C-alpha atoms as a PDB file:
ATOM      1  CA  MET A   1     -15.733 -22.450 -14.355  1.00  0.00           C
ATOM      2  CA  THR A   2     -17.281 -19.441 -16.093  1.00  0.00           C
ATOM      3  CA  ILE A   3     -18.696 -18.187 -12.778  1.00  0.00           C
ATOM      4  CA  PHE A   4     -15.313 -18.720 -11.106  1.00  0.00           C
ATOM      5  CA  LEU A   5     -13.590 -16.682 -13.816  1.00  0.00           C
ATOM      6  CA  SER A   6     -16.171 -13.897 -13.506  1.00  0.00           C
ATOM      7  CA  TYR A   7     -15.546 -13.605  -9.751  1.00  0.00           C
ATOM      8  CA  MET A   8     -11.801 -13.735 -10.379  1.00  0.00           C
ATOM      9  CA  PHE A   9     -12.193 -10.871 -12.853  1.00  0.00           C
ATOM     10  CA  LEU A  10     -14.188  -8.981 -10.222  1.00  0.00           C
ATOM     11  CA  GLY A  11     -11.276  -9.363  -7.792  1.00  0.00           C
ATOM     12  CA  LEU A  12      -8.884  -8.230 -10.509  1.00  0.00           C
ATOM     13  CA  SER A  13     -11.022  -5.167 -11.244  1.00  0.00           C
ATOM     14  CA  LEU A  14     -11.275  -4.287  -7.545  1.00  0.00           C
ATOM     15  CA  ALA A  15      -7.498  -4.421  -7.085  1.00  0.00           C
ATOM     16  CA  ALA A  16      -6.550  -2.560 -10.260  1.00  0.00           C
ATOM     17  CA  PRO A  17      -7.777   1.040  -9.588  1.00  0.00           C
ATOM     18  CA  LEU A  18      -4.908   3.209  -8.427  1.00  0.00           C
ATOM     19  CA  GLY A  19      -4.930   3.766  -4.683  1.00  0.00           C
ATOM     20  CA  PRO A  20      -2.723   3.628  -1.580  1.00  0.00           C
ATOM     21  CA  ILE A  21      -1.770  -0.044  -1.983  1.00  0.00           C
ATOM     22  CA  ASN A  22      -0.861   0.266  -5.650  1.00  0.00           C
ATOM     23  CA  ALA A  23       1.124   3.420  -4.959  1.00  0.00           C
ATOM     24  CA  ALA A  24       3.028   1.646  -2.168  1.00  0.00           C
ATOM     25  CA  GLN A  25       3.688  -1.345  -4.444  1.00  0.00           C
ATOM     26  CA  ILE A  26       5.010   0.892  -7.214  1.00  0.00           C
ATOM     27  CA  ASN A  27       7.270   2.722  -4.773  1.00  0.00           C
ATOM     28  CA  GLN A  28       8.670  -0.490  -3.302  1.00  0.00           C
ATOM     29  CA  GLY A  29       9.012  -2.186  -6.698  1.00  0.00           C
ATOM     30  CA  ILE A  30      10.995   0.654  -8.237  1.00  0.00           C
ATOM     31  CA  LYS A  31      13.122   1.207  -5.141  1.00  0.00           C
ATOM     32  CA  ASN A  32      13.678  -2.299  -3.723  1.00  0.00           C
ATOM     33  CA  GLY A  33      12.506  -4.821  -6.306  1.00  0.00           C
ATOM     34  CA  PHE A  34       9.835  -7.477  -6.839  1.00  0.00           C
ATOM     35  CA  LEU A  35       9.818  -9.147  -3.420  1.00  0.00           C
ATOM     36  CA  HIS A  36       9.303  -5.935  -1.462  1.00  0.00           C
ATOM     37  CA  SER A  37       6.507  -4.861  -3.800  1.00  0.00           C
ATOM     38  CA  TRP A  38       4.795  -8.254  -3.588  1.00  0.00           C
ATOM     39  CA  MET A  39       4.979  -8.259   0.232  1.00  0.00           C
ATOM     40  CA  VAL A  40       2.972  -5.027   0.285  1.00  0.00           C
ATOM     41  CA  GLY A  41       0.289  -6.740  -1.818  1.00  0.00           C
ATOM     42  CA  LEU A  42       0.383  -9.877   0.342  1.00  0.00           C
ATOM     43  CA  GLY A  43      -0.176  -7.809   3.481  1.00  0.00           C
ATOM     44  CA  SER A  44      -3.154  -6.189   1.794  1.00  0.00           C
ATOM     45  CA  ILE A  45      -4.629  -9.576   0.839  1.00  0.00           C
ATOM     46  CA  ILE A  46      -4.404 -10.803   4.450  1.00  0.00           C
ATOM     47  CA  ALA A  47      -6.277  -7.674   5.566  1.00  0.00           C
ATOM     48  CA  GLU A  48      -8.925  -8.289   2.912  1.00  0.00           C
ATOM     49  CA  LEU A  49      -9.300 -11.872   4.136  1.00  0.00           C
ATOM     50  CA  PHE A  50     -10.167 -10.448   7.561  1.00  0.00           C
ATOM     51  CA  PHE A  51     -12.805  -8.254   5.909  1.00  0.00           C
ATOM     52  CA  ILE A  52     -14.295 -11.267   4.124  1.00  0.00           C
ATOM     53  CA  LEU A  53     -14.469 -13.309   7.340  1.00  0.00           C
ATOM     54  CA  ALA A  54     -15.989 -10.385   9.238  1.00  0.00           C
ATOM     55  CA  VAL A  55     -18.638  -9.843   6.579  1.00  0.00           C
ATOM     56  CA  TYR A  56     -19.403 -13.565   6.365  1.00  0.00           C
ATOM     57  CA  PHE A  57     -19.873 -14.131  10.077  1.00  0.00           C
ATOM     58  CA  GLY A  58     -21.604 -10.827  10.706  1.00  0.00           C
ATOM     59  CA  VAL A  59     -23.917 -10.460   7.740  1.00  0.00           C
ATOM     60  CA  VAL A  60     -24.648 -13.873   6.254  1.00  0.00           C
ATOM     61  CA  HIS A  61     -27.458 -14.664   8.709  1.00  0.00           C
ATOM     62  CA  PHE A  62     -29.390 -11.555   7.718  1.00  0.00           C
ATOM     63  CA  LEU A  63     -29.199 -11.991   3.945  1.00  0.00           C
ATOM     64  CA  GLU A  64     -32.320 -14.075   3.501  1.00  0.00           C
ATOM     65  CA  THR A  65     -34.683 -11.081   3.588  1.00  0.00           C
ATOM     66  CA  SER A  66     -35.536  -9.205   0.401  1.00  0.00           C
ATOM     67  CA  PHE A  67     -34.716  -5.900   2.095  1.00  0.00           C
ATOM     68  CA  MET A  68     -31.144  -6.947   2.894  1.00  0.00           C
ATOM     69  CA  LYS A  69     -30.581  -8.377  -0.580  1.00  0.00           C
ATOM     70  CA  THR A  70     -31.816  -5.173  -2.192  1.00  0.00           C
ATOM     71  CA  PHE A  71     -29.699  -3.040   0.141  1.00  0.00           C
ATOM     72  CA  LEU A  72     -26.539  -5.020  -0.532  1.00  0.00           C
ATOM     73  CA  TRP A  73     -26.951  -5.031  -4.303  1.00  0.00           C
ATOM     74  CA  SER A  74     -27.674  -1.281  -4.202  1.00  0.00           C
ATOM     75  CA  PHE A  75     -24.767  -0.519  -1.892  1.00  0.00           C
ATOM     76  CA  GLY A  76     -22.404  -2.651  -3.962  1.00  0.00           C
ATOM     77  CA  ALA A  77     -23.540  -0.834  -7.119  1.00  0.00           C
ATOM     78  CA  PHE A  78     -22.937   2.559  -5.478  1.00  0.00           C
ATOM     79  CA  VAL A  79     -19.428   1.660  -4.282  1.00  0.00           C
ATOM     80  CA  LEU A  80     -18.458   0.197  -7.664  1.00  0.00           C
ATOM     81  CA  LEU A  81     -19.867   3.147  -9.595  1.00  0.00           C
ATOM     82  CA  TYR A  82     -18.175   5.715  -7.352  1.00  0.00           C
ATOM     83  CA  THR A  83     -14.823   3.929  -7.473  1.00  0.00           C
ATOM     84  CA  GLY A  84     -15.036   3.320 -11.213  1.00  0.00           C
ATOM     85  CA  ILE A  85     -15.684   6.989 -11.959  1.00  0.00           C
ATOM     86  CA  GLU A  86     -13.020   8.114  -9.485  1.00  0.00           C
ATOM     87  CA  SER A  87     -10.526   5.730 -11.101  1.00  0.00           C
ATOM     88  CA  MET A  88     -11.174   7.285 -14.511  1.00  0.00           C
ATOM     89  CA  VAL A  89     -10.952  10.956 -13.488  1.00  0.00           C
ATOM     90  CA  SER A  90      -8.284  10.960 -10.778  1.00  0.00           C
ATOM     91  CA  LYS A  91      -4.588  11.440 -11.378  1.00  0.00           C
ATOM     92  CA  GLN A  92      -2.066   9.560  -9.280  1.00  0.00           C
ATOM     93  CA  SER A  93       1.605  10.344  -8.875  1.00  0.00           C
ATOM     94  CA  VAL A  94       4.380   8.020  -7.819  1.00  0.00           C
ATOM     95  CA  GLN A  95       6.760   9.301  -5.205  1.00  0.00           C
ATOM     96  CA  LEU A  96       9.912   7.388  -4.456  1.00  0.00           C
ATOM     97  CA  ARG A  97      11.081   6.959  -0.881  1.00  0.00           C
ATOM     98  CA  GLU A  98      14.745   6.860  -0.017  1.00  0.00           C
ATOM     99  CA  GLU A  99      14.702   4.470   2.939  1.00  0.00           C
ATOM    100  CA  ARG A 100      15.034   0.720   2.393  1.00  0.00           C
ATOM    101  CA  ASP A 101      12.460  -1.269   4.365  1.00  0.00           C
ATOM    102  CA  SER A 102      12.657  -4.863   5.555  1.00  0.00           C
ATOM    103  CA  LEU A 103      10.306  -7.491   4.119  1.00  0.00           C
ATOM    104  CA  ARG A 104       8.471  -7.662   7.445  1.00  0.00           C
ATOM    105  CA  LYS A 105       8.006  -3.909   7.457  1.00  0.00           C
ATOM    106  CA  THR A 106       6.690  -3.827   3.876  1.00  0.00           C
ATOM    107  CA  PHE A 107       4.264  -6.676   4.664  1.00  0.00           C
ATOM    108  CA  THR A 108       3.037  -4.845   7.766  1.00  0.00           C
ATOM    109  CA  SER A 109       2.748  -1.631   5.788  1.00  0.00           C
ATOM    110  CA  GLY A 110       0.504  -3.270   3.182  1.00  0.00           C
ATOM    111  CA  PHE A 111      -1.643  -4.843   5.894  1.00  0.00           C
ATOM    112  CA  LEU A 112      -2.094  -1.590   7.826  1.00  0.00           C
ATOM    113  CA  ILE A 113      -2.779   0.526   4.729  1.00  0.00           C
ATOM    114  CA  SER A 114      -5.533  -1.845   3.634  1.00  0.00           C
ATOM    115  CA  ILE A 115      -7.167  -2.595   6.972  1.00  0.00           C
ATOM    116  CA  SER A 116      -7.268   1.095   7.960  1.00  0.00           C
ATOM    117  CA  ASN A 117      -8.654   2.291   4.621  1.00  0.00           C
ATOM    118  CA  PRO A 118     -12.381   3.186   4.992  1.00  0.00           C
ATOM    119  CA  LEU A 119     -12.910   2.570   1.281  1.00  0.00           C
ATOM    120  CA  SER A 120     -11.624  -0.998   1.694  1.00  0.00           C
ATOM    121  CA  ILE A 121     -14.188  -1.565   4.449  1.00  0.00           C
ATOM    122  CA  LEU A 122     -16.931  -0.201   2.167  1.00  0.00           C
ATOM    123  CA  PHE A 123     -15.698  -2.420  -0.629  1.00  0.00           C
ATOM    124  CA  TRP A 124     -15.931  -5.642   1.296  1.00  0.00           C
ATOM    125  CA  LEU A 125     -19.146  -4.746   3.119  1.00  0.00           C
ATOM    126  CA  GLY A 126     -20.959  -3.758  -0.069  1.00  0.00           C
ATOM    127  CA  ILE A 127     -19.379  -5.933  -2.739  1.00  0.00           C
ATOM    128  CA  TYR A 128     -18.678  -9.138  -0.837  1.00  0.00           C
ATOM    129  CA  GLY A 129     -22.047  -8.739   0.852  1.00  0.00           C
ATOM    130  CA  SER A 130     -23.570  -8.659  -2.621  1.00  0.00           C
ATOM    131  CA  VAL A 131     -21.671 -11.811  -3.554  1.00  0.00           C
ATOM    132  CA  LEU A 132     -23.006 -13.509  -0.422  1.00  0.00           C
ATOM    133  CA  ALA A 133     -26.556 -12.414  -1.201  1.00  0.00           C
ATOM    134  CA  ASN A 134     -26.312 -13.914  -4.673  1.00  0.00           C
ATOM    135  CA  THR A 135     -24.415 -17.085  -3.791  1.00  0.00           C
ATOM    136  CA  ILE A 136     -26.345 -18.348  -0.766  1.00  0.00           C
ATOM    137  CA  ASP A 137     -29.533 -18.400  -2.837  1.00  0.00           C
ATOM    138  CA  LYS A 138     -28.109 -20.774  -5.432  1.00  0.00           C
ATOM    139  CA  TYR A 139     -25.128 -22.631  -3.975  1.00  0.00           C
ATOM    140  CA  ASP A 140     -23.867 -24.293  -0.798  1.00  0.00           C
ATOM    141  CA  THR A 141     -21.086 -23.178   1.545  1.00  0.00           C
ATOM    142  CA  LEU A 142     -18.413 -24.976  -0.490  1.00  0.00           C
ATOM    143  CA  HIS A 143     -19.294 -22.924  -3.564  1.00  0.00           C
ATOM    144  CA  LEU A 144     -19.265 -19.740  -1.474  1.00  0.00           C
ATOM    145  CA  ILE A 145     -15.713 -20.517  -0.335  1.00  0.00           C
ATOM    146  CA  TRP A 146     -14.767 -21.365  -3.930  1.00  0.00           C
ATOM    147  CA  TYR A 147     -16.061 -18.071  -5.328  1.00  0.00           C
ATOM    148  CA  SER A 148     -14.591 -16.070  -2.440  1.00  0.00           C
ATOM    149  CA  THR A 149     -11.247 -17.674  -3.266  1.00  0.00           C
ATOM    150  CA  ALA A 150     -11.729 -16.589  -6.878  1.00  0.00           C
ATOM    151  CA  ILE A 151     -12.049 -12.940  -5.789  1.00  0.00           C
ATOM    152  CA  LEU A 152      -8.880 -13.144  -3.684  1.00  0.00           C
ATOM    153  CA  PHE A 153      -7.113 -14.969  -6.521  1.00  0.00           C
ATOM    154  CA  GLY A 154      -7.956 -12.088  -8.841  1.00  0.00           C
ATOM    155  CA  VAL A 155      -6.570  -9.615  -6.295  1.00  0.00           C
ATOM    156  CA  MET A 156      -3.383 -11.691  -5.991  1.00  0.00           C
ATOM    157  CA  ILE A 157      -2.912 -11.811  -9.781  1.00  0.00           C
ATOM    158  CA  TRP A 158      -3.022  -8.016  -9.897  1.00  0.00           C
ATOM    159  CA  ASP A 159      -0.639  -7.652  -6.950  1.00  0.00           C
ATOM    160  CA  ILE A 160       1.910  -9.964  -8.588  1.00  0.00           C
ATOM    161  CA  SER A 161       1.515  -8.124 -11.888  1.00  0.00           C
ATOM    162  CA  MET A 162       2.074  -4.781 -10.177  1.00  0.00           C
ATOM    163  CA  ALA A 163       5.205  -6.124  -8.492  1.00  0.00           C
ATOM    164  CA  LEU A 164       6.557  -7.487 -11.785  1.00  0.00           C
ATOM    165  CA  VAL A 165       5.831  -4.334 -13.763  1.00  0.00           C
ATOM    166  CA  SER A 166       7.097  -1.884 -11.156  1.00  0.00           C
ATOM    167  CA  SER A 167      10.308  -3.809 -10.498  1.00  0.00           C
ATOM    168  CA  GLY A 168      11.161  -4.863 -14.056  1.00  0.00           C
ATOM    169  CA  SER A 169       9.559  -2.370 -16.438  1.00  0.00           C
ATOM    170  CA  ARG A 170      10.076   1.112 -15.081  1.00  0.00           C
ATOM    171  CA  HIS A 171       9.413   2.709 -18.473  1.00  0.00           C
ATOM    172  CA  LEU A 172       5.843   1.343 -18.393  1.00  0.00           C
ATOM    173  CA  LEU A 173       5.041   3.365 -15.286  1.00  0.00           C
ATOM    174  CA  SER A 174       4.603   6.702 -17.030  1.00  0.00           C
ATOM    175  CA  ASP A 175       1.664   8.931 -16.179  1.00  0.00           C
ATOM    176  CA  LYS A 176       0.067   8.056 -19.522  1.00  0.00           C
ATOM    177  CA  THR A 177       0.231   4.300 -18.831  1.00  0.00           C
ATOM    178  CA  LEU A 178      -1.163   4.658 -15.314  1.00  0.00           C
ATOM    179  CA  LYS A 179      -3.988   6.846 -16.623  1.00  0.00           C
ATOM    180  CA  MET A 180      -4.830   4.222 -19.267  1.00  0.00           C
ATOM    181  CA  ILE A 181      -4.987   1.496 -16.595  1.00  0.00           C
ATOM    182  CA  SER A 182      -7.288   3.702 -14.506  1.00  0.00           C
ATOM    183  CA  VAL A 183      -9.680   4.231 -17.421  1.00  0.00           C
ATOM    184  CA  ILE A 184      -9.854   0.534 -18.359  1.00  0.00           C
ATOM    185  CA  THR A 185     -10.392  -0.697 -14.822  1.00  0.00           C
ATOM    186  CA  GLY A 186     -12.809   2.160 -14.147  1.00  0.00           C
ATOM    187  CA  LEU A 187     -14.960   1.046 -17.078  1.00  0.00           C
ATOM    188  CA  SER A 188     -14.887  -2.526 -15.761  1.00  0.00           C
ATOM    189  CA  LEU A 189     -16.062  -1.395 -12.329  1.00  0.00           C
ATOM    190  CA  ILE A 190     -18.844   0.687 -13.871  1.00  0.00           C
ATOM    191  CA  GLY A 191     -19.936  -2.395 -15.810  1.00  0.00           C
ATOM    192  CA  PHE A 192     -20.160  -4.389 -12.562  1.00  0.00           C
ATOM    193  CA  ALA A 193     -22.045  -1.470 -10.970  1.00  0.00           C
ATOM    194  CA  ILE A 194     -24.649  -1.584 -13.751  1.00  0.00           C
ATOM    195  CA  TYR A 195     -25.102  -5.316 -13.185  1.00  0.00           C
ATOM    196  CA  PHE A 196     -25.419  -4.886  -9.411  1.00  0.00           C
ATOM    197  CA  GLY A 197     -27.892  -2.053  -9.916  1.00  0.00           C
ATOM    198  CA  TYR A 198     -29.923  -4.189 -12.311  1.00  0.00           C
ATOM    199  CA  ARG A 199     -30.147  -6.954  -9.691  1.00  0.00           C
ATOM    200  CA  ALA A 200     -31.343  -4.419  -7.084  1.00  0.00           C
ATOM    201  CA  ILE A 201     -34.005  -3.068  -9.435  1.00  0.00           C
ATOM    202  CA  THR A 202     -35.303  -6.554 -10.247  1.00  0.00           C
ATOM    203  CA  LEU A 203     -35.675  -7.273  -6.525  1.00  0.00           C
ATOM    204  CA  ILE A 204     -37.577  -4.023  -5.950  1.00  0.00           C
ATOM    205  CA  PHE A 205     -39.968  -4.455  -8.872  1.00  0.00           C
END
């Protein structure tokens, strides 16, 4: 259960840094309410599931070599470190849109934003690849599915939280609050980056 919670927290940390999806959720939540905001997040999760399946079927057979394990841990560390630092130093603004979208359109919007985002592709290639490299050494396929579900569950928790906060607590969405969230999640990502980097170094030496 501890390992499951750690992967769930990883998913939560990956979803929390402010980016296109979070901005779209905030916009929809403030303008149209919880359901529209959550549909953006749900569309993003479906796109991320495609990334996970693509990484699993395309990379898993090459993860037995030490070179690939070292590369994936290193790449995952780089992506996490870069995103963590960027989350802490960047400033995001929320812009409201006047048009009212349908639920289908907001779902499609979330899916397209996520699946066309190069950083999302780097995330799931580097980070989920690292998870695969670690998990297939110690556990069977059932555990791999279980821990992959934990990551997506963490992402879903954040998406629901974003929808709740943006639709019901507008006063919490000040620049100061968003900056504080960026710093906290950025530190979490940097912590994961240090761990990933440590695993890469141990494989090299």
